[in-house]
Amino acid sequence: FARGEVAFKEFKALDDISFEVKRGEAFGLVGTNGSGKSTMLKIIAGVLEPSKGTCEVKGTIAPLIELGAGFDMELTAKENIYLNGALLGYKKEFIDSHFDQIVEFAELEGFMDMPLKNYSSGMVARIAFAIATVTEPDLLIVDETLSVGDFLFQQKCENRIKELVASNNVTVLLVSHSIDLVQRICDRAIWIEKGKQRMLGPVDEVCEAYEHLKR
């Protein structure tokens, strides 16, 4: 038997990335798997702290980053609406006044007393999206949430995001493997690859350059 040695190199999930998103702007993040997009969103949402550099966000944040985050799967959907709303910083009275609107948007009127552990991933995504968008946050962060569920509900979510940006001055950060979706929703985009910033600019230009590399 010989003792082995393992050497660990320093790993930077993100390195020298700088951008600013204006209020009311829809901003896309594109890149291959493992490029650092989700890490970036977690830093912006306050889930992770950068080891170097700064990240400043003004206003309330509704992060749709990980499916099921902010929920207790043992509780009912109704209980989870209040739980998740509280985690987003909203009082019970606010959720009371918006409860029917949340349920109606999620289209889950007959499932409110069911434990979330019995929900499909698509149903959980419906609840999460309905809570996050009915509260009209200053910043909505969406990471692949729209890829879960049926096509009609995906369209409904896309339309809701466009309404929020157009009518309520909500800022949106969107990560999606669907480049078409990013181009339909976003004004500008950043392309991150292997933790580094490859390109920043108008969404069509960034997405076309990214797609060209993938071919």
N, C-alpha and C. Protein backbone atom coordinates (compact mmCIF):
# COMPACT_ATOMS: atom_id res chain seq x y z
N PHE A 1 0.85 -1.20 0.00
CA PHE A 1 0.00 0.00 0.00
C PHE A 1 0.88 1.24 0.00
N ALA A 2 0.62 2.16 -0.86
CA ALA A 2 1.39 3.40 -0.92
C ALA A 2 0.46 4.58 -0.65
N ARG A 3 0.94 5.48 0.16
CA ARG A 3 0.14 6.66 0.48
C ARG A 3 0.07 7.57 -0.74
N GLY A 4 -1.13 7.95 -1.11
CA GLY A 4 -1.30 8.83 -2.27
C GLY A 4 -1.44 10.27 -1.84
N GLU A 5 -1.18 11.16 -2.73
CA GLU A 5 -1.33 12.59 -2.47
C GLU A 5 -2.26 13.19 -3.52
N VAL A 6 -3.11 14.07 -3.06
CA VAL A 6 -4.04 14.76 -3.96
C VAL A 6 -3.76 16.25 -3.91
N ALA A 7 -3.53 16.85 -5.04
CA ALA A 7 -3.27 18.28 -5.09
C ALA A 7 -4.51 19.01 -5.58
N PHE A 8 -4.90 20.04 -4.86
CA PHE A 8 -6.08 20.82 -5.22
C PHE A 8 -5.64 22.18 -5.75
N LYS A 9 -6.11 22.52 -6.94
CA LYS A 9 -5.82 23.83 -7.50
C LYS A 9 -6.91 24.80 -7.08
N GLU A 10 -6.54 26.07 -6.97
CA GLU A 10 -7.52 27.09 -6.66
C GLU A 10 -8.52 27.19 -7.81
N PHE A 11 -9.82 27.19 -7.45
CA PHE A 11 -10.86 27.24 -8.47
C PHE A 11 -11.65 28.54 -8.32
N LYS A 12 -11.79 29.27 -9.39
CA LYS A 12 -12.58 30.50 -9.40
C LYS A 12 -13.84 30.26 -10.21
N ALA A 13 -14.98 30.29 -9.51
CA ALA A 13 -16.25 30.09 -10.21
C ALA A 13 -16.55 31.27 -11.12
N LEU A 14 -16.16 32.47 -10.68
CA LEU A 14 -16.35 33.69 -11.46
C LEU A 14 -15.09 34.53 -11.33
N ASP A 15 -14.66 35.14 -12.43
CA ASP A 15 -13.40 35.88 -12.40
C ASP A 15 -13.49 37.14 -13.26
N ASP A 16 -13.37 38.30 -12.60
CA ASP A 16 -13.31 39.59 -13.30
C ASP A 16 -14.53 39.84 -14.18
N ILE A 17 -15.71 39.73 -13.56
CA ILE A 17 -16.96 40.01 -14.28
C ILE A 17 -17.55 41.31 -13.75
N SER A 18 -17.95 42.19 -14.64
CA SER A 18 -18.48 43.49 -14.22
C SER A 18 -19.62 43.91 -15.15
N PHE A 19 -20.78 44.18 -14.56
CA PHE A 19 -21.90 44.70 -15.35
C PHE A 19 -22.89 45.40 -14.43
N GLU A 20 -23.72 46.23 -15.03
CA GLU A 20 -24.75 46.97 -14.31
C GLU A 20 -26.08 46.78 -15.02
N VAL A 21 -27.13 46.54 -14.25
CA VAL A 21 -28.46 46.38 -14.82
C VAL A 21 -29.33 47.52 -14.31
N LYS A 22 -29.98 48.21 -15.22
CA LYS A 22 -30.80 49.36 -14.84
C LYS A 22 -32.19 48.92 -14.39
N ARG A 23 -32.80 49.76 -13.58
CA ARG A 23 -34.16 49.48 -13.11
C ARG A 23 -35.12 49.36 -14.30
N GLY A 24 -35.95 48.32 -14.26
CA GLY A 24 -36.93 48.11 -15.32
C GLY A 24 -36.39 47.41 -16.54
N GLU A 25 -35.14 46.93 -16.46
CA GLU A 25 -34.52 46.27 -17.61
C GLU A 25 -34.64 44.75 -17.47
N ALA A 26 -34.80 44.07 -18.58
CA ALA A 26 -34.76 42.60 -18.61
C ALA A 26 -33.39 42.21 -19.14
N PHE A 27 -32.64 41.47 -18.32
CA PHE A 27 -31.23 41.19 -18.60
C PHE A 27 -31.00 39.69 -18.60
N GLY A 28 -30.38 39.17 -19.65
CA GLY A 28 -30.17 37.73 -19.77
C GLY A 28 -28.74 37.32 -19.47
N LEU A 29 -28.59 36.10 -18.95
CA LEU A 29 -27.28 35.49 -18.75
C LEU A 29 -27.24 34.21 -19.57
N VAL A 30 -26.27 34.11 -20.47
CA VAL A 30 -26.13 32.91 -21.29
C VAL A 30 -24.74 32.32 -21.11
N GLY A 31 -24.65 31.03 -21.40
CA GLY A 31 -23.39 30.31 -21.26
C GLY A 31 -23.66 28.83 -21.14
N THR A 32 -22.65 28.02 -21.37
CA THR A 32 -22.81 26.57 -21.28
C THR A 32 -22.94 26.13 -19.83
N ASN A 33 -23.31 24.87 -19.62
CA ASN A 33 -23.40 24.33 -18.27
C ASN A 33 -22.06 24.45 -17.55
N GLY A 34 -22.11 24.88 -16.30
CA GLY A 34 -20.88 25.02 -15.53
C GLY A 34 -20.11 26.28 -15.80
N SER A 35 -20.72 27.21 -16.53
CA SER A 35 -20.01 28.44 -16.90
C SER A 35 -19.97 29.46 -15.76
N GLY A 36 -20.87 29.30 -14.78
CA GLY A 36 -20.90 30.23 -13.65
C GLY A 36 -22.17 31.05 -13.56
N LYS A 37 -23.14 30.78 -14.43
CA LYS A 37 -24.38 31.57 -14.45
C LYS A 37 -25.15 31.46 -13.13
N SER A 38 -25.36 30.24 -12.67
CA SER A 38 -26.13 30.04 -11.44
C SER A 38 -25.41 30.60 -10.23
N THR A 39 -24.08 30.49 -10.22
CA THR A 39 -23.29 31.08 -9.13
C THR A 39 -23.49 32.59 -9.11
N MET A 40 -23.48 33.20 -10.29
CA MET A 40 -23.70 34.63 -10.39
C MET A 40 -25.06 35.03 -9.82
N LEU A 41 -26.09 34.28 -10.17
CA LEU A 41 -27.43 34.59 -9.68
C LEU A 41 -27.52 34.45 -8.17
N LYS A 42 -26.84 33.44 -7.61
CA LYS A 42 -26.86 33.23 -6.16
C LYS A 42 -26.16 34.37 -5.43
N ILE A 43 -25.11 34.91 -6.02
CA ILE A 43 -24.44 36.07 -5.43
C ILE A 43 -25.36 37.28 -5.45
N ILE A 44 -26.02 37.50 -6.58
CA ILE A 44 -26.94 38.63 -6.71
C ILE A 44 -28.11 38.50 -5.74
N ALA A 45 -28.59 37.25 -5.55
CA ALA A 45 -29.72 37.00 -4.65
C ALA A 45 -29.32 37.06 -3.18
N GLY A 46 -28.02 37.08 -2.90
CA GLY A 46 -27.56 37.12 -1.52
C GLY A 46 -27.39 35.76 -0.89
N VAL A 47 -27.53 34.69 -1.68
CA VAL A 47 -27.35 33.33 -1.17
C VAL A 47 -25.87 33.04 -0.95
N LEU A 48 -25.03 33.55 -1.84
CA LEU A 48 -23.58 33.41 -1.72
C LEU A 48 -22.94 34.79 -1.63
N GLU A 49 -21.78 34.85 -0.96
CA GLU A 49 -21.02 36.09 -0.91
C GLU A 49 -19.78 35.97 -1.78
N PRO A 50 -19.46 36.98 -2.56
CA PRO A 50 -18.24 36.90 -3.37
C PRO A 50 -17.00 36.95 -2.48
N SER A 51 -16.01 36.14 -2.79
CA SER A 51 -14.76 36.15 -2.01
C SER A 51 -13.93 37.39 -2.32
N LYS A 52 -14.22 38.01 -3.46
CA LYS A 52 -13.52 39.22 -3.86
C LYS A 52 -14.48 40.06 -4.70
N GLY A 53 -14.38 41.37 -4.58
CA GLY A 53 -15.26 42.23 -5.35
C GLY A 53 -16.55 42.52 -4.60
N THR A 54 -17.47 43.22 -5.24
CA THR A 54 -18.73 43.61 -4.61
C THR A 54 -19.91 43.36 -5.53
N CYS A 55 -21.07 43.23 -4.91
CA CYS A 55 -22.33 43.09 -5.64
C CYS A 55 -23.37 43.92 -4.91
N GLU A 56 -23.92 44.91 -5.57
CA GLU A 56 -24.88 45.81 -4.95
C GLU A 56 -26.24 45.69 -5.63
N VAL A 57 -27.26 45.45 -4.82
CA VAL A 57 -28.63 45.34 -5.33
C VAL A 57 -29.51 46.31 -4.55
N LYS A 58 -30.29 47.11 -5.25
CA LYS A 58 -31.19 48.05 -4.61
C LYS A 58 -32.62 47.55 -4.73
N GLY A 59 -33.30 47.40 -3.58
CA GLY A 59 -34.70 46.99 -3.60
C GLY A 59 -34.91 45.55 -3.19
N THR A 60 -36.17 45.12 -3.28
CA THR A 60 -36.55 43.76 -2.89
C THR A 60 -36.24 42.77 -4.00
N ILE A 61 -35.90 41.55 -3.59
CA ILE A 61 -35.52 40.50 -4.54
C ILE A 61 -36.44 39.30 -4.40
N ALA A 62 -36.92 38.78 -5.51
CA ALA A 62 -37.67 37.52 -5.54
C ALA A 62 -36.86 36.54 -6.38
N PRO A 63 -36.13 35.63 -5.73
CA PRO A 63 -35.27 34.71 -6.48
C PRO A 63 -35.95 33.38 -6.79
N LEU A 64 -36.04 33.03 -8.06
CA LEU A 64 -36.51 31.71 -8.48
C LEU A 64 -35.29 30.97 -9.01
N ILE A 65 -34.46 30.50 -8.07
CA ILE A 65 -33.16 29.94 -8.44
C ILE A 65 -33.15 28.42 -8.39
N GLU A 66 -33.63 27.86 -7.28
CA GLU A 66 -33.67 26.40 -7.15
C GLU A 66 -35.10 25.97 -6.87
N LEU A 67 -35.59 25.02 -7.63
CA LEU A 67 -36.96 24.55 -7.46
C LEU A 67 -37.15 23.99 -6.05
N GLY A 68 -38.13 24.53 -5.32
CA GLY A 68 -38.40 24.06 -3.97
C GLY A 68 -37.73 24.88 -2.89
N ALA A 69 -36.84 25.79 -3.26
CA ALA A 69 -36.17 26.63 -2.27
C ALA A 69 -37.19 27.54 -1.60
N GLY A 70 -37.14 27.61 -0.26
CA GLY A 70 -38.08 28.43 0.47
C GLY A 70 -39.39 27.74 0.77
N PHE A 71 -39.46 26.45 0.50
CA PHE A 71 -40.67 25.66 0.78
C PHE A 71 -40.36 24.54 1.77
N ASP A 72 -41.39 24.13 2.50
CA ASP A 72 -41.31 22.95 3.37
C ASP A 72 -42.23 21.90 2.76
N MET A 73 -41.64 20.84 2.25
CA MET A 73 -42.41 19.84 1.50
C MET A 73 -43.43 19.08 2.36
N GLU A 74 -43.29 19.15 3.67
CA GLU A 74 -44.25 18.48 4.55
C GLU A 74 -45.52 19.31 4.75
N LEU A 75 -45.42 20.60 4.50
CA LEU A 75 -46.56 21.49 4.68
C LEU A 75 -47.44 21.51 3.44
N THR A 76 -48.67 21.98 3.60
CA THR A 76 -49.58 22.08 2.47
C THR A 76 -49.17 23.25 1.57
N ALA A 77 -49.74 23.28 0.39
CA ALA A 77 -49.46 24.38 -0.54
C ALA A 77 -49.88 25.71 0.06
N LYS A 78 -51.04 25.72 0.72
CA LYS A 78 -51.52 26.96 1.34
C LYS A 78 -50.55 27.45 2.40
N GLU A 79 -50.08 26.55 3.25
CA GLU A 79 -49.12 26.94 4.29
C GLU A 79 -47.82 27.43 3.68
N ASN A 80 -47.42 26.81 2.58
CA ASN A 80 -46.18 27.20 1.92
C ASN A 80 -46.26 28.57 1.25
N ILE A 81 -47.44 28.94 0.81
CA ILE A 81 -47.61 30.28 0.23
C ILE A 81 -47.29 31.34 1.28
N TYR A 82 -47.79 31.13 2.50
CA TYR A 82 -47.51 32.07 3.58
C TYR A 82 -46.05 32.00 4.03
N LEU A 83 -45.50 30.79 4.07
CA LEU A 83 -44.10 30.62 4.45
C LEU A 83 -43.17 31.30 3.46
N ASN A 84 -43.38 31.03 2.18
CA ASN A 84 -42.52 31.61 1.15
C ASN A 84 -42.68 33.12 1.08
N GLY A 85 -43.91 33.57 1.24
CA GLY A 85 -44.15 35.01 1.25
C GLY A 85 -43.42 35.70 2.39
N ALA A 86 -43.41 35.05 3.57
CA ALA A 86 -42.69 35.61 4.73
C ALA A 86 -41.19 35.67 4.47
N LEU A 87 -40.66 34.64 3.82
CA LEU A 87 -39.23 34.62 3.50
C LEU A 87 -38.86 35.72 2.51
N LEU A 88 -39.82 36.11 1.68
CA LEU A 88 -39.59 37.21 0.74
C LEU A 88 -39.79 38.57 1.40
N GLY A 89 -40.21 38.55 2.68
CA GLY A 89 -40.33 39.79 3.43
C GLY A 89 -41.72 40.40 3.46
N TYR A 90 -42.74 39.62 3.10
CA TYR A 90 -44.10 40.15 3.06
C TYR A 90 -44.90 39.71 4.27
N LYS A 91 -45.70 40.64 4.81
CA LYS A 91 -46.50 40.36 5.99
C LYS A 91 -47.70 39.48 5.63
N LYS A 92 -48.26 38.85 6.69
CA LYS A 92 -49.40 37.95 6.49
C LYS A 92 -50.56 38.68 5.83
N GLU A 93 -50.78 39.94 6.21
CA GLU A 93 -51.88 40.71 5.65
C GLU A 93 -51.73 40.88 4.14
N PHE A 94 -50.50 41.06 3.71
CA PHE A 94 -50.24 41.21 2.28
C PHE A 94 -50.57 39.92 1.53
N ILE A 95 -50.13 38.80 2.08
CA ILE A 95 -50.42 37.51 1.44
C ILE A 95 -51.91 37.22 1.49
N ASP A 96 -52.57 37.58 2.60
CA ASP A 96 -54.03 37.42 2.70
C ASP A 96 -54.72 38.10 1.52
N SER A 97 -54.32 39.33 1.25
CA SER A 97 -54.98 40.12 0.21
C SER A 97 -54.64 39.64 -1.21
N HIS A 98 -53.54 38.90 -1.34
CA HIS A 98 -53.11 38.42 -2.66
C HIS A 98 -53.25 36.90 -2.83
N PHE A 99 -53.78 36.24 -1.81
CA PHE A 99 -53.81 34.77 -1.83
C PHE A 99 -54.58 34.23 -3.02
N ASP A 100 -55.80 34.73 -3.22
CA ASP A 100 -56.63 34.23 -4.33
C ASP A 100 -55.96 34.47 -5.68
N GLN A 101 -55.29 35.59 -5.81
CA GLN A 101 -54.59 35.93 -7.05
C GLN A 101 -53.45 34.95 -7.31
N ILE A 102 -52.73 34.57 -6.25
CA ILE A 102 -51.63 33.61 -6.37
C ILE A 102 -52.15 32.25 -6.82
N VAL A 103 -53.21 31.79 -6.16
CA VAL A 103 -53.78 30.48 -6.47
C VAL A 103 -54.35 30.45 -7.88
N GLU A 104 -55.03 31.53 -8.26
CA GLU A 104 -55.62 31.61 -9.60
C GLU A 104 -54.55 31.57 -10.68
N PHE A 105 -53.45 32.31 -10.46
CA PHE A 105 -52.38 32.32 -11.46
C PHE A 105 -51.75 30.94 -11.59
N ALA A 106 -51.55 30.27 -10.46
CA ALA A 106 -50.94 28.94 -10.47
C ALA A 106 -51.87 27.87 -11.02
N GLU A 107 -53.17 28.18 -11.09
CA GLU A 107 -54.18 27.24 -11.59
C GLU A 107 -54.20 25.95 -10.78
N LEU A 108 -54.13 26.11 -9.45
CA LEU A 108 -54.10 24.95 -8.55
C LEU A 108 -55.14 25.08 -7.45
N GLU A 109 -56.32 25.59 -7.82
CA GLU A 109 -57.37 25.86 -6.84
C GLU A 109 -57.76 24.63 -6.01
N GLY A 110 -57.74 23.45 -6.61
CA GLY A 110 -58.19 22.26 -5.89
C GLY A 110 -57.09 21.52 -5.14
N PHE A 111 -55.90 22.11 -5.06
CA PHE A 111 -54.77 21.39 -4.48
C PHE A 111 -54.11 22.13 -3.31
N MET A 112 -54.80 23.12 -2.75
CA MET A 112 -54.19 23.95 -1.71
C MET A 112 -53.96 23.21 -0.39
N ASP A 113 -54.77 22.20 -0.11
CA ASP A 113 -54.64 21.47 1.15
C ASP A 113 -53.78 20.22 1.01
N MET A 114 -53.16 20.04 -0.14
CA MET A 114 -52.28 18.89 -0.38
C MET A 114 -50.85 19.23 0.04
N PRO A 115 -50.16 18.31 0.74
CA PRO A 115 -48.74 18.55 1.08
C PRO A 115 -47.92 18.72 -0.19
N LEU A 116 -46.95 19.61 -0.13
CA LEU A 116 -46.15 19.90 -1.31
C LEU A 116 -45.33 18.69 -1.77
N LYS A 117 -45.08 17.76 -0.86
CA LYS A 117 -44.31 16.56 -1.23
C LYS A 117 -45.07 15.70 -2.24
N ASN A 118 -46.39 15.91 -2.34
CA ASN A 118 -47.19 15.17 -3.31
C ASN A 118 -47.36 15.93 -4.63
N TYR A 119 -46.77 17.10 -4.71
CA TYR A 119 -46.83 17.89 -5.94
C TYR A 119 -45.78 17.40 -6.94
N SER A 120 -46.07 17.58 -8.21
CA SER A 120 -45.05 17.35 -9.24
C SER A 120 -44.12 18.57 -9.26
N SER A 121 -42.99 18.45 -9.93
CA SER A 121 -42.06 19.58 -10.02
C SER A 121 -42.72 20.75 -10.75
N GLY A 122 -43.55 20.44 -11.73
CA GLY A 122 -44.26 21.49 -12.45
C GLY A 122 -45.22 22.26 -11.57
N MET A 123 -45.90 21.56 -10.66
CA MET A 123 -46.84 22.21 -9.75
C MET A 123 -46.10 23.10 -8.75
N VAL A 124 -44.96 22.63 -8.27
CA VAL A 124 -44.14 23.44 -7.35
C VAL A 124 -43.68 24.71 -8.05
N ALA A 125 -43.26 24.57 -9.30
CA ALA A 125 -42.81 25.73 -10.08
C ALA A 125 -43.94 26.74 -10.26
N ARG A 126 -45.15 26.25 -10.46
CA ARG A 126 -46.31 27.14 -10.62
C ARG A 126 -46.51 27.99 -9.37
N ILE A 127 -46.49 27.32 -8.20
CA ILE A 127 -46.68 28.03 -6.93
C ILE A 127 -45.57 29.06 -6.73
N ALA A 128 -44.31 28.64 -6.95
CA ALA A 128 -43.17 29.53 -6.73
C ALA A 128 -43.24 30.76 -7.63
N PHE A 129 -43.56 30.54 -8.89
CA PHE A 129 -43.62 31.66 -9.84
C PHE A 129 -44.76 32.60 -9.49
N ALA A 130 -45.90 32.04 -9.10
CA ALA A 130 -47.06 32.86 -8.77
C ALA A 130 -46.78 33.75 -7.56
N ILE A 131 -46.13 33.20 -6.53
CA ILE A 131 -45.80 33.99 -5.34
C ILE A 131 -44.81 35.10 -5.69
N ALA A 132 -43.76 34.72 -6.42
CA ALA A 132 -42.69 35.67 -6.73
C ALA A 132 -43.17 36.84 -7.58
N THR A 133 -44.10 36.59 -8.48
CA THR A 133 -44.51 37.65 -9.41
C THR A 133 -45.73 38.43 -8.95
N VAL A 134 -46.55 37.86 -8.09
CA VAL A 134 -47.72 38.60 -7.62
C VAL A 134 -47.28 39.69 -6.65
N THR A 135 -46.12 39.51 -6.01
CA THR A 135 -45.63 40.49 -5.05
C THR A 135 -44.93 41.66 -5.71
N GLU A 136 -44.71 41.58 -7.00
CA GLU A 136 -44.11 42.66 -7.78
C GLU A 136 -42.82 43.17 -7.14
N PRO A 137 -41.78 42.36 -7.12
CA PRO A 137 -40.51 42.75 -6.50
C PRO A 137 -39.77 43.78 -7.35
N ASP A 138 -38.75 44.39 -6.77
CA ASP A 138 -37.91 45.29 -7.56
C ASP A 138 -37.05 44.49 -8.53
N LEU A 139 -36.62 43.29 -8.08
CA LEU A 139 -35.77 42.44 -8.91
C LEU A 139 -36.29 41.01 -8.89
N LEU A 140 -36.61 40.48 -10.06
CA LEU A 140 -37.04 39.10 -10.21
C LEU A 140 -35.91 38.31 -10.87
N ILE A 141 -35.46 37.25 -10.19
CA ILE A 141 -34.39 36.41 -10.72
C ILE A 141 -34.97 35.07 -11.12
N VAL A 142 -34.82 34.69 -12.37
CA VAL A 142 -35.40 33.45 -12.88
C VAL A 142 -34.31 32.57 -13.48
N ASP A 143 -34.11 31.39 -12.89
CA ASP A 143 -33.08 30.46 -13.37
C ASP A 143 -33.75 29.16 -13.81
N GLU A 144 -34.07 29.05 -15.08
CA GLU A 144 -34.61 27.83 -15.69
C GLU A 144 -35.98 27.41 -15.15
N THR A 145 -36.61 28.25 -14.31
CA THR A 145 -37.92 27.88 -13.77
C THR A 145 -38.95 27.69 -14.88
N LEU A 146 -38.82 28.46 -15.94
CA LEU A 146 -39.80 28.39 -17.03
C LEU A 146 -39.66 27.14 -17.87
N SER A 147 -38.61 26.36 -17.62
CA SER A 147 -38.44 25.12 -18.39
C SER A 147 -39.25 23.98 -17.78
N VAL A 148 -39.84 24.22 -16.60
CA VAL A 148 -40.63 23.20 -15.91
C VAL A 148 -42.11 23.46 -16.19
N GLY A 149 -42.86 22.41 -16.41
CA GLY A 149 -44.29 22.56 -16.62
C GLY A 149 -44.68 22.54 -18.09
N ASP A 150 -45.98 22.67 -18.33
CA ASP A 150 -46.48 22.54 -19.70
C ASP A 150 -46.28 23.84 -20.49
N PHE A 151 -46.42 23.71 -21.80
CA PHE A 151 -46.14 24.82 -22.70
C PHE A 151 -47.04 26.02 -22.44
N LEU A 152 -48.33 25.78 -22.21
CA LEU A 152 -49.26 26.89 -22.01
C LEU A 152 -48.90 27.70 -20.77
N PHE A 153 -48.48 27.01 -19.69
CA PHE A 153 -48.12 27.74 -18.48
C PHE A 153 -46.80 28.48 -18.68
N GLN A 154 -45.89 27.91 -19.45
CA GLN A 154 -44.64 28.61 -19.78
C GLN A 154 -44.94 29.92 -20.50
N GLN A 155 -45.90 29.87 -21.43
CA GLN A 155 -46.31 31.07 -22.15
C GLN A 155 -46.92 32.09 -21.19
N LYS A 156 -47.70 31.60 -20.25
CA LYS A 156 -48.33 32.47 -19.26
C LYS A 156 -47.27 33.18 -18.42
N CYS A 157 -46.24 32.43 -18.01
CA CYS A 157 -45.15 33.00 -17.21
C CYS A 157 -44.37 34.04 -18.02
N GLU A 158 -44.11 33.71 -19.26
CA GLU A 158 -43.38 34.64 -20.13
C GLU A 158 -44.15 35.96 -20.28
N ASN A 159 -45.45 35.85 -20.48
CA ASN A 159 -46.27 37.06 -20.62
C ASN A 159 -46.29 37.86 -19.33
N ARG A 160 -46.31 37.16 -18.20
CA ARG A 160 -46.31 37.83 -16.90
C ARG A 160 -45.01 38.61 -16.70
N ILE A 161 -43.89 38.02 -17.07
CA ILE A 161 -42.60 38.71 -16.95
C ILE A 161 -42.60 39.98 -17.80
N LYS A 162 -43.11 39.87 -19.01
CA LYS A 162 -43.16 41.03 -19.91
C LYS A 162 -44.05 42.13 -19.32
N GLU A 163 -45.16 41.73 -18.70
CA GLU A 163 -46.06 42.70 -18.06
C GLU A 163 -45.37 43.41 -16.91
N LEU A 164 -44.63 42.65 -16.10
CA LEU A 164 -43.94 43.23 -14.95
C LEU A 164 -42.91 44.26 -15.39
N VAL A 165 -42.16 43.92 -16.42
CA VAL A 165 -41.13 44.83 -16.93
C VAL A 165 -41.78 46.08 -17.52
N ALA A 166 -42.86 45.89 -18.28
CA ALA A 166 -43.50 47.00 -18.98
C ALA A 166 -44.29 47.93 -18.06
N SER A 167 -45.01 47.33 -17.11
CA SER A 167 -45.97 48.11 -16.32
C SER A 167 -45.49 48.52 -14.94
N ASN A 168 -44.65 47.70 -14.33
CA ASN A 168 -44.33 47.94 -12.92
C ASN A 168 -42.86 48.26 -12.67
N ASN A 169 -42.10 48.46 -13.74
CA ASN A 169 -40.70 48.83 -13.57
C ASN A 169 -39.91 47.78 -12.79
N VAL A 170 -40.28 46.52 -12.96
CA VAL A 170 -39.57 45.41 -12.32
C VAL A 170 -38.35 45.05 -13.16
N THR A 171 -37.22 44.85 -12.50
CA THR A 171 -36.01 44.41 -13.18
C THR A 171 -35.97 42.89 -13.20
N VAL A 172 -35.60 42.31 -14.31
CA VAL A 172 -35.58 40.85 -14.45
C VAL A 172 -34.18 40.37 -14.86
N LEU A 173 -33.69 39.35 -14.15
CA LEU A 173 -32.48 38.64 -14.54
C LEU A 173 -32.90 37.24 -14.93
N LEU A 174 -32.60 36.84 -16.16
CA LEU A 174 -33.08 35.57 -16.69
C LEU A 174 -31.94 34.68 -17.17
N VAL A 175 -31.93 33.45 -16.68
CA VAL A 175 -31.03 32.41 -17.19
C VAL A 175 -31.89 31.34 -17.83
N SER A 176 -31.59 30.99 -19.07
CA SER A 176 -32.35 29.93 -19.74
C SER A 176 -31.50 29.31 -20.83
N HIS A 177 -31.68 27.99 -21.03
CA HIS A 177 -31.01 27.31 -22.13
C HIS A 177 -31.71 27.63 -23.46
N SER A 178 -32.91 28.21 -23.35
CA SER A 178 -33.64 28.61 -24.55
C SER A 178 -33.19 30.01 -24.97
N ILE A 179 -32.33 30.07 -25.97
CA ILE A 179 -31.85 31.36 -26.46
C ILE A 179 -33.00 32.18 -27.03
N ASP A 180 -33.97 31.51 -27.65
CA ASP A 180 -35.15 32.21 -28.18
C ASP A 180 -35.89 32.95 -27.07
N LEU A 181 -36.03 32.30 -25.91
CA LEU A 181 -36.72 32.91 -24.77
C LEU A 181 -35.95 34.13 -24.28
N VAL A 182 -34.65 34.00 -24.16
CA VAL A 182 -33.81 35.13 -23.72
C VAL A 182 -33.97 36.31 -24.68
N GLN A 183 -33.99 36.02 -25.97
CA GLN A 183 -34.13 37.10 -26.97
C GLN A 183 -35.52 37.72 -26.95
N ARG A 184 -36.54 36.93 -26.64
CA ARG A 184 -37.91 37.47 -26.61
C ARG A 184 -38.12 38.38 -25.40
N ILE A 185 -37.48 38.06 -24.28
CA ILE A 185 -37.74 38.78 -23.04
C ILE A 185 -36.74 39.89 -22.76
N CYS A 186 -35.47 39.65 -23.05
CA CYS A 186 -34.41 40.53 -22.56
C CYS A 186 -34.03 41.64 -23.54
N ASP A 187 -33.51 42.72 -22.98
CA ASP A 187 -33.00 43.85 -23.76
C ASP A 187 -31.50 43.69 -24.02
N ARG A 188 -30.79 43.32 -22.96
CA ARG A 188 -29.34 43.10 -23.05
C ARG A 188 -29.00 41.75 -22.43
N ALA A 189 -27.77 41.31 -22.66
CA ALA A 189 -27.35 40.03 -22.10
C ALA A 189 -25.85 40.02 -21.87
N ILE A 190 -25.42 39.11 -21.00
CA ILE A 190 -24.01 38.87 -20.78
C ILE A 190 -23.73 37.39 -21.05
N TRP A 191 -22.64 37.13 -21.69
CA TRP A 191 -22.22 35.75 -22.00
C TRP A 191 -21.06 35.42 -21.07
N ILE A 192 -21.27 34.41 -20.22
CA ILE A 192 -20.25 33.97 -19.28
C ILE A 192 -19.77 32.59 -19.70
N GLU A 193 -18.49 32.40 -19.76
CA GLU A 193 -17.92 31.10 -20.15
C GLU A 193 -16.72 30.79 -19.26
N LYS A 194 -16.79 29.62 -18.60
CA LYS A 194 -15.72 29.18 -17.69
C LYS A 194 -15.40 30.25 -16.64
N GLY A 195 -16.47 30.89 -16.16
CA GLY A 195 -16.32 31.88 -15.10
C GLY A 195 -15.86 33.25 -15.55
N LYS A 196 -15.67 33.43 -16.85
CA LYS A 196 -15.19 34.71 -17.36
C LYS A 196 -16.21 35.36 -18.28
N GLN A 197 -16.16 36.67 -18.33
CA GLN A 197 -17.07 37.44 -19.18
C GLN A 197 -16.57 37.42 -20.61
N ARG A 198 -17.38 36.83 -21.51
CA ARG A 198 -16.99 36.77 -22.92
C ARG A 198 -17.53 37.95 -23.71
N MET A 199 -18.76 38.34 -23.37
CA MET A 199 -19.39 39.41 -24.16
C MET A 199 -20.53 40.04 -23.38
N LEU A 200 -20.73 41.33 -23.55
CA LEU A 200 -21.80 42.08 -22.90
C LEU A 200 -22.35 43.08 -23.91
N GLY A 201 -23.69 43.08 -24.08
CA GLY A 201 -24.25 44.02 -25.04
C GLY A 201 -25.69 43.73 -25.37
N PRO A 202 -26.20 44.26 -26.50
CA PRO A 202 -27.58 44.00 -26.93
C PRO A 202 -27.84 42.50 -27.02
N VAL A 203 -29.03 42.08 -26.62
CA VAL A 203 -29.32 40.66 -26.48
C VAL A 203 -29.12 39.88 -27.78
N ASP A 204 -29.56 40.44 -28.90
CA ASP A 204 -29.43 39.71 -30.17
C ASP A 204 -27.97 39.49 -30.55
N GLU A 205 -27.14 40.49 -30.34
CA GLU A 205 -25.72 40.36 -30.69
C GLU A 205 -25.03 39.31 -29.82
N VAL A 206 -25.31 39.35 -28.52
CA VAL A 206 -24.69 38.40 -27.59
C VAL A 206 -25.15 36.98 -27.89
N CYS A 207 -26.45 36.80 -28.10
CA CYS A 207 -27.00 35.46 -28.35
C CYS A 207 -26.51 34.89 -29.68
N GLU A 208 -26.40 35.74 -30.69
CA GLU A 208 -25.91 35.27 -31.99
C GLU A 208 -24.45 34.82 -31.90
N ALA A 209 -23.64 35.56 -31.15
CA ALA A 209 -22.24 35.19 -30.98
C ALA A 209 -22.12 33.89 -30.20
N TYR A 210 -22.95 33.74 -29.18
CA TYR A 210 -22.95 32.52 -28.37
C TYR A 210 -23.38 31.31 -29.20
N GLU A 211 -24.43 31.47 -29.96
CA GLU A 211 -24.93 30.38 -30.81
C GLU A 211 -23.91 30.00 -31.88
N HIS A 212 -23.21 30.99 -32.41
CA HIS A 212 -22.19 30.73 -33.44
C HIS A 212 -21.07 29.85 -32.88
N LEU A 213 -20.68 30.09 -31.63
CA LEU A 213 -19.62 29.30 -31.02
C LEU A 213 -20.07 27.86 -30.81
N LYS A 214 -21.36 27.67 -30.52
CA LYS A 214 -21.88 26.33 -30.23
C LYS A 214 -21.98 25.47 -31.49
N ARG A 215 -22.03 26.09 -32.66
CA ARG A 215 -22.23 25.32 -33.90
C ARG A 215 -21.02 24.46 -34.21
